[in-house]
PDB file of all heavy atoms in Angstrom:
ATOM      1  N   GLY A   1      -4.154  17.776  22.249  1.00  0.00           N
ATOM      2  CA  GLY A   1      -2.934  18.540  22.188  1.00  0.00           C
ATOM      3  C   GLY A   1      -1.685  17.644  22.272  1.00  0.00           C
ATOM      4  O   GLY A   1      -1.830  16.484  22.512  1.00  0.00           O
ATOM      5  N   GLY A   2      -0.549  18.248  22.004  1.00  0.00           N
ATOM      6  CA  GLY A   2       0.645  17.542  22.103  1.00  0.00           C
ATOM      7  C   GLY A   2       1.723  18.189  21.407  1.00  0.00           C
ATOM      8  O   GLY A   2       1.640  19.382  21.241  1.00  0.00           O
ATOM      9  N   SER A   3       2.847  17.390  21.115  1.00  0.00           N
ATOM     10  CA  SER A   3       4.031  18.020  20.377  1.00  0.00           C
ATOM     11  C   SER A   3       4.100  17.503  19.114  1.00  0.00           C
ATOM     12  O   SER A   3       3.864  16.252  18.953  1.00  0.00           O
ATOM     13  CB  SER A   3       5.322  17.672  21.313  1.00  0.00           C
ATOM     14  OG  SER A   3       5.129  18.248  22.455  1.00  0.00           O
ATOM     15  N   VAL A   4       4.503  18.282  18.234  1.00  0.00           N
ATOM     16  CA  VAL A   4       4.688  17.758  16.773  1.00  0.00           C
ATOM     17  C   VAL A   4       5.645  18.736  16.083  1.00  0.00           C
ATOM     18  O   VAL A   4       5.956  19.742  16.454  1.00  0.00           O
ATOM     19  CB  VAL A   4       3.237  17.989  16.046  1.00  0.00           C
ATOM     20  CG1 VAL A   4       2.819  19.443  15.859  1.00  0.00           C
ATOM     21  CG2 VAL A   4       3.189  17.288  14.677  1.00  0.00           C
ATOM     22  N   GLN A   5       6.283  18.137  15.068  1.00  0.00           N
ATOM     23  CA  GLN A   5       7.253  18.916  14.273  1.00  0.00           C
ATOM     24  C   GLN A   5       6.527  19.870  13.222  1.00  0.00           C
ATOM     25  O   GLN A   5       5.364  19.581  12.873  1.00  0.00           O
ATOM     26  CB  GLN A   5       8.218  18.031  13.604  1.00  0.00           C
ATOM     27  CG  GLN A   5       9.140  17.277  14.479  1.00  0.00           C
ATOM     28  CD  GLN A   5      10.157  16.518  13.681  1.00  0.00           C
ATOM     29  OE1 GLN A   5      10.021  16.067  12.612  1.00  0.00           O
ATOM     30  NE2 GLN A   5      11.403  16.444  14.273  1.00  0.00           N
ATOM     31  N   ALA A   6       7.235  20.873  12.925  1.00  0.00           N
ATOM     32  CA  ALA A   6       6.618  21.746  11.911  1.00  0.00           C
ATOM     33  C   ALA A   6       6.243  21.047  10.711  1.00  0.00           C
ATOM     34  O   ALA A   6       6.946  20.116  10.196  1.00  0.00           O
ATOM     35  CB  ALA A   6       7.695  22.851  11.524  1.00  0.00           C
ATOM     36  N   GLY A   7       5.062  21.419  10.159  1.00  0.00           N
ATOM     37  CA  GLY A   7       4.509  20.766   8.971  1.00  0.00           C
ATOM     38  C   GLY A   7       3.623  19.581   9.298  1.00  0.00           C
ATOM     39  O   GLY A   7       2.905  19.106   8.496  1.00  0.00           O
ATOM     40  N   GLY A   8       3.597  19.211  10.585  1.00  0.00           N
ATOM     41  CA  GLY A   8       2.725  18.194  11.091  1.00  0.00           C
ATOM     42  C   GLY A   8       1.307  18.683  11.318  1.00  0.00           C
ATOM     43  O   GLY A   8       0.841  19.822  11.105  1.00  0.00           O
ATOM     44  N   SER A   9       0.511  17.680  11.793  1.00  0.00           N
ATOM     45  CA  SER A   9      -0.979  17.942  12.032  1.00  0.00           C
ATOM     46  C   SER A   9      -1.364  17.464  13.462  1.00  0.00           C
ATOM     47  O   SER A   9      -0.763  16.586  13.963  1.00  0.00           O
ATOM     48  CB  SER A   9      -1.829  17.216  11.040  1.00  0.00           C
ATOM     49  OG  SER A   9      -1.614  17.635   9.710  1.00  0.00           O
ATOM     50  N   LEU A  10      -2.419  18.210  13.926  1.00  0.00           N
ATOM     51  CA  LEU A  10      -3.028  17.756  15.121  1.00  0.00           C
ATOM     52  C   LEU A  10      -4.512  18.082  15.058  1.00  0.00           C
ATOM     53  O   LEU A  10      -4.957  18.928  14.434  1.00  0.00           O
ATOM     54  CB  LEU A  10      -2.478  18.544  16.435  1.00  0.00           C
ATOM     55  CG  LEU A  10      -1.104  18.020  16.941  1.00  0.00           C
ATOM     56  CD1 LEU A  10      -0.696  19.054  17.978  1.00  0.00           C
ATOM     57  CD2 LEU A  10      -1.079  16.706  17.497  1.00  0.00           C
ATOM     58  N   ARG A  11      -5.323  17.250  15.820  1.00  0.00           N
ATOM     59  CA  ARG A  11      -6.764  17.479  15.896  1.00  0.00           C
ATOM     60  C   ARG A  11      -7.167  17.675  17.264  1.00  0.00           C
ATOM     61  O   ARG A  11      -7.032  16.764  18.093  1.00  0.00           O
ATOM     62  CB  ARG A  11      -7.556  16.376  15.262  1.00  0.00           C
ATOM     63  CG  ARG A  11      -8.988  16.556  15.063  1.00  0.00           C
ATOM     64  CD  ARG A  11      -9.735  15.305  14.827  1.00  0.00           C
ATOM     65  NE  ARG A  11     -11.078  15.498  14.207  1.00  0.00           N
ATOM     66  CZ  ARG A  11     -12.102  14.648  14.380  1.00  0.00           C
ATOM     67  NH1 ARG A  11     -11.829  13.358  14.811  1.00  0.00           N
ATOM     68  NH2 ARG A  11     -13.304  14.931  13.834  1.00  0.00           N
ATOM     69  N   LEU A  12      -7.687  18.791  17.614  1.00  0.00           N
ATOM     70  CA  LEU A  12      -8.213  19.022  19.022  1.00  0.00           C
ATOM     71  C   LEU A  12      -9.756  18.763  19.028  1.00  0.00           C
ATOM     72  O   LEU A  12     -10.388  18.963  18.055  1.00  0.00           O
ATOM     73  CB  LEU A  12      -7.937  20.562  19.388  1.00  0.00           C
ATOM     74  CG  LEU A  12      -6.571  21.083  19.313  1.00  0.00           C
ATOM     75  CD1 LEU A  12      -6.435  22.460  19.773  1.00  0.00           C
ATOM     76  CD2 LEU A  12      -5.559  20.158  20.018  1.00  0.00           C
ATOM     77  N   SER A  13     -10.189  18.257  20.161  1.00  0.00           N
ATOM     78  CA  SER A  13     -11.494  18.004  20.382  1.00  0.00           C
ATOM     79  C   SER A  13     -11.896  18.690  21.676  1.00  0.00           C
ATOM     80  O   SER A  13     -11.115  18.865  22.630  1.00  0.00           O
ATOM     81  CB  SER A  13     -11.821  16.535  20.562  1.00  0.00           C
ATOM     82  OG  SER A  13     -11.479  15.845  19.314  1.00  0.00           O
ATOM     83  N   CYS A  14     -13.235  19.104  21.719  1.00  0.00           N
ATOM     84  CA  CYS A  14     -13.713  19.753  22.958  1.00  0.00           C
ATOM     85  C   CYS A  14     -15.132  19.184  23.162  1.00  0.00           C
ATOM     86  O   CYS A  14     -16.007  19.518  22.348  1.00  0.00           O
ATOM     87  CB  CYS A  14     -13.753  21.259  22.804  1.00  0.00           C
ATOM     88  SG  CYS A  14     -14.694  22.195  24.144  1.00  0.00           S
ATOM     89  N   ALA A  15     -15.290  18.483  24.226  1.00  0.00           N
ATOM     90  CA  ALA A  15     -16.609  17.843  24.593  1.00  0.00           C
ATOM     91  C   ALA A  15     -17.272  18.798  25.495  1.00  0.00           C
ATOM     92  O   ALA A  15     -16.719  19.162  26.591  1.00  0.00           O
ATOM     93  CB  ALA A  15     -16.468  16.469  25.088  1.00  0.00           C
ATOM     94  N   ALA A  16     -18.532  19.195  25.270  1.00  0.00           N
ATOM     95  CA  ALA A  16     -19.325  20.029  26.162  1.00  0.00           C
ATOM     96  C   ALA A  16     -20.469  19.341  26.886  1.00  0.00           C
ATOM     97  O   ALA A  16     -21.026  18.415  26.192  1.00  0.00           O
ATOM     98  CB  ALA A  16     -19.849  21.190  25.349  1.00  0.00           C
ATOM     99  N   SER A  17     -20.660  19.687  28.072  1.00  0.00           N
ATOM    100  CA  SER A  17     -21.773  19.219  28.876  1.00  0.00           C
ATOM    101  C   SER A  17     -22.962  20.218  28.635  1.00  0.00           C
ATOM    102  O   SER A  17     -22.745  21.290  28.178  1.00  0.00           O
ATOM    103  CB  SER A  17     -21.494  18.973  30.302  1.00  0.00           C
ATOM    104  OG  SER A  17     -21.251  20.163  30.863  1.00  0.00           O
ATOM    105  N   GLY A  18     -24.217  19.945  29.020  1.00  0.00           N
ATOM    106  CA  GLY A  18     -25.245  20.859  29.136  1.00  0.00           C
ATOM    107  C   GLY A  18     -26.120  20.771  27.772  1.00  0.00           C
ATOM    108  O   GLY A  18     -25.814  19.971  26.863  1.00  0.00           O
ATOM    109  N   SER A  19     -27.102  21.501  27.782  1.00  0.00           N
ATOM    110  CA  SER A  19     -28.127  21.350  26.804  1.00  0.00           C
ATOM    111  C   SER A  19     -28.167  22.495  25.666  1.00  0.00           C
ATOM    112  O   SER A  19     -29.022  22.550  24.834  1.00  0.00           O
ATOM    113  CB  SER A  19     -29.546  21.298  27.381  1.00  0.00           C
ATOM    114  OG  SER A  19     -29.792  22.443  28.124  1.00  0.00           O
ATOM    115  N   ILE A  20     -27.240  23.431  25.805  1.00  0.00           N
ATOM    116  CA  ILE A  20     -27.240  24.543  24.893  1.00  0.00           C
ATOM    117  C   ILE A  20     -26.143  24.445  23.815  1.00  0.00           C
ATOM    118  O   ILE A  20     -25.987  25.427  23.097  1.00  0.00           O
ATOM    119  CB  ILE A  20     -27.085  25.902  25.607  1.00  0.00           C
ATOM    120  CG1 ILE A  20     -25.739  25.840  26.461  1.00  0.00           C
ATOM    121  CG2 ILE A  20     -28.287  26.125  26.662  1.00  0.00           C
ATOM    122  CD1 ILE A  20     -25.491  27.187  27.163  1.00  0.00           C
ATOM    123  N   PHE A  21     -25.425  23.328  23.722  1.00  0.00           N
ATOM    124  CA  PHE A  21     -24.357  23.328  22.721  1.00  0.00           C
ATOM    125  C   PHE A  21     -24.808  23.684  21.357  1.00  0.00           C
ATOM    126  O   PHE A  21     -24.195  24.468  20.684  1.00  0.00           O
ATOM    127  CB  PHE A  21     -23.817  21.873  22.794  1.00  0.00           C
ATOM    128  CG  PHE A  21     -22.633  21.676  21.858  1.00  0.00           C
ATOM    129  CD1 PHE A  21     -21.312  22.123  22.082  1.00  0.00           C
ATOM    130  CD2 PHE A  21     -22.847  21.253  20.454  1.00  0.00           C
ATOM    131  CE1 PHE A  21     -20.342  21.921  21.240  1.00  0.00           C
ATOM    132  CE2 PHE A  21     -21.832  21.077  19.567  1.00  0.00           C
ATOM    133  CZ  PHE A  21     -20.476  21.423  19.974  1.00  0.00           C
ATOM    134  N   SER A  22     -25.929  23.138  20.895  1.00  0.00           N
ATOM    135  CA  SER A  22     -26.298  23.186  19.479  1.00  0.00           C
ATOM    136  C   SER A  22     -26.860  24.657  19.171  1.00  0.00           C
ATOM    137  O   SER A  22     -26.804  25.079  18.049  1.00  0.00           O
ATOM    138  CB  SER A  22     -27.418  22.288  19.243  1.00  0.00           C
ATOM    139  OG  SER A  22     -28.610  22.583  19.982  1.00  0.00           O
ATOM    140  N   ILE A  23     -27.045  25.487  20.141  1.00  0.00           N
ATOM    141  CA  ILE A  23     -27.544  26.882  19.972  1.00  0.00           C
ATOM    142  C   ILE A  23     -26.459  27.841  20.410  1.00  0.00           C
ATOM    143  O   ILE A  23     -26.711  29.056  20.477  1.00  0.00           O
ATOM    144  CB  ILE A  23     -28.855  27.114  20.599  1.00  0.00           C
ATOM    145  CG1 ILE A  23     -28.762  26.854  22.151  1.00  0.00           C
ATOM    146  CG2 ILE A  23     -29.955  26.355  19.884  1.00  0.00           C
ATOM    147  CD1 ILE A  23     -30.109  27.138  22.788  1.00  0.00           C
ATOM    148  N   SER A  24     -25.178  27.412  20.648  1.00  0.00           N
ATOM    149  CA  SER A  24     -24.058  28.215  21.037  1.00  0.00           C
ATOM    150  C   SER A  24     -23.093  28.449  19.882  1.00  0.00           C
ATOM    151  O   SER A  24     -22.966  27.461  19.025  1.00  0.00           O
ATOM    152  CB  SER A  24     -23.406  27.608  22.272  1.00  0.00           C
ATOM    153  OG  SER A  24     -24.162  27.424  23.386  1.00  0.00           O
ATOM    154  N   THR A  25     -22.414  29.526  19.928  1.00  0.00           N
ATOM    155  CA  THR A  25     -21.167  29.718  19.137  1.00  0.00           C
ATOM    156  C   THR A  25     -20.029  28.952  19.750  1.00  0.00           C
ATOM    157  O   THR A  25     -19.863  29.234  21.019  1.00  0.00           O
ATOM    158  CB  THR A  25     -20.993  31.201  18.927  1.00  0.00           C
ATOM    159  OG1 THR A  25     -21.978  31.745  18.074  1.00  0.00           O
ATOM    160  CG2 THR A  25     -19.570  31.321  18.151  1.00  0.00           C
ATOM    161  N   MET A  26     -19.299  28.245  19.100  1.00  0.00           N
ATOM    162  CA  MET A  26     -18.125  27.537  19.696  1.00  0.00           C
ATOM    163  C   MET A  26     -16.872  28.089  19.032  1.00  0.00           C
ATOM    164  O   MET A  26     -16.782  28.462  17.848  1.00  0.00           O
ATOM    165  CB  MET A  26     -18.190  26.144  19.388  1.00  0.00           C
ATOM    166  CG  MET A  26     -19.469  25.434  19.882  1.00  0.00           C
ATOM    167  SD  MET A  26     -19.566  25.522  21.845  1.00  0.00           S
ATOM    168  CE  MET A  26     -18.072  24.750  22.331  1.00  0.00           C
ATOM    169  N   GLY A  27     -15.820  28.290  19.836  1.00  0.00           N
ATOM    170  CA  GLY A  27     -14.607  28.784  19.354  1.00  0.00           C
ATOM    171  C   GLY A  27     -13.389  28.140  20.003  1.00  0.00           C
ATOM    172  O   GLY A  27     -13.454  27.494  21.028  1.00  0.00           O
ATOM    173  N   TRP A  28     -12.310  28.286  19.287  1.00  0.00           N
ATOM    174  CA  TRP A  28     -10.949  27.892  19.773  1.00  0.00           C
ATOM    175  C   TRP A  28     -10.138  29.157  19.959  1.00  0.00           C
ATOM    176  O   TRP A  28      -9.916  29.904  18.922  1.00  0.00           O
ATOM    177  CB  TRP A  28     -10.270  26.904  18.859  1.00  0.00           C
ATOM    178  CG  TRP A  28     -10.942  25.462  18.945  1.00  0.00           C
ATOM    179  CD1 TRP A  28     -11.863  25.013  18.069  1.00  0.00           C
ATOM    180  CD2 TRP A  28     -10.541  24.504  19.947  1.00  0.00           C
ATOM    181  NE1 TRP A  28     -12.089  23.678  18.407  1.00  0.00           N
ATOM    182  CE2 TRP A  28     -11.323  23.381  19.627  1.00  0.00           C
ATOM    183  CE3 TRP A  28      -9.680  24.451  21.021  1.00  0.00           C
ATOM    184  CZ2 TRP A  28     -11.267  22.206  20.349  1.00  0.00           C
ATOM    185  CZ3 TRP A  28      -9.655  23.249  21.754  1.00  0.00           C
ATOM    186  CH2 TRP A  28     -10.460  22.209  21.425  1.00  0.00           C
ATOM    187  N   TYR A  29      -9.630  29.430  21.112  1.00  0.00           N
ATOM    188  CA  TYR A  29      -8.723  30.477  21.376  1.00  0.00           C
ATOM    189  C   TYR A  29      -7.404  29.971  21.642  1.00  0.00           C
ATOM    190  O   TYR A  29      -7.227  28.756  22.100  1.00  0.00           O
ATOM    191  CB  TYR A  29      -9.197  31.379  22.451  1.00  0.00           C
ATOM    192  CG  TYR A  29     -10.349  32.263  22.080  1.00  0.00           C
ATOM    193  CD1 TYR A  29     -11.636  31.766  21.937  1.00  0.00           C
ATOM    194  CD2 TYR A  29     -10.238  33.529  22.026  1.00  0.00           C
ATOM    195  CE1 TYR A  29     -12.721  32.408  21.711  1.00  0.00           C
ATOM    196  CE2 TYR A  29     -11.383  34.383  21.736  1.00  0.00           C
ATOM    197  CZ  TYR A  29     -12.547  33.893  21.600  1.00  0.00           C
ATOM    198  OH  TYR A  29     -13.760  34.600  21.337  1.00  0.00           O
ATOM    199  N   ARG A  30      -6.327  30.767  21.553  1.00  0.00           N
ATOM    200  CA  ARG A  30      -5.040  30.251  21.868  1.00  0.00           C
ATOM    201  C   ARG A  30      -4.184  31.458  22.584  1.00  0.00           C
ATOM    202  O   ARG A  30      -4.514  32.526  22.327  1.00  0.00           O
ATOM    203  CB  ARG A  30      -4.143  29.773  20.689  1.00  0.00           C
ATOM    204  CG  ARG A  30      -3.980  30.862  19.636  1.00  0.00           C
ATOM    205  CD  ARG A  30      -3.289  30.137  18.383  1.00  0.00           C
ATOM    206  NE  ARG A  30      -2.930  31.085  17.434  1.00  0.00           N
ATOM    207  CZ  ARG A  30      -2.260  30.731  16.247  1.00  0.00           C
ATOM    208  NH1 ARG A  30      -2.131  29.438  16.009  1.00  0.00           N
ATOM    209  NH2 ARG A  30      -1.920  31.748  15.371  1.00  0.00           N
TER     210      ARG A  30
END
């Protein structure tokens, strides 16, 4: 996350622990 001007880009990442990641639905909420 961070601050950016309109028209710009950002890339969010989410690292998960545990063994069920590959069989889970992942989402981004705001």
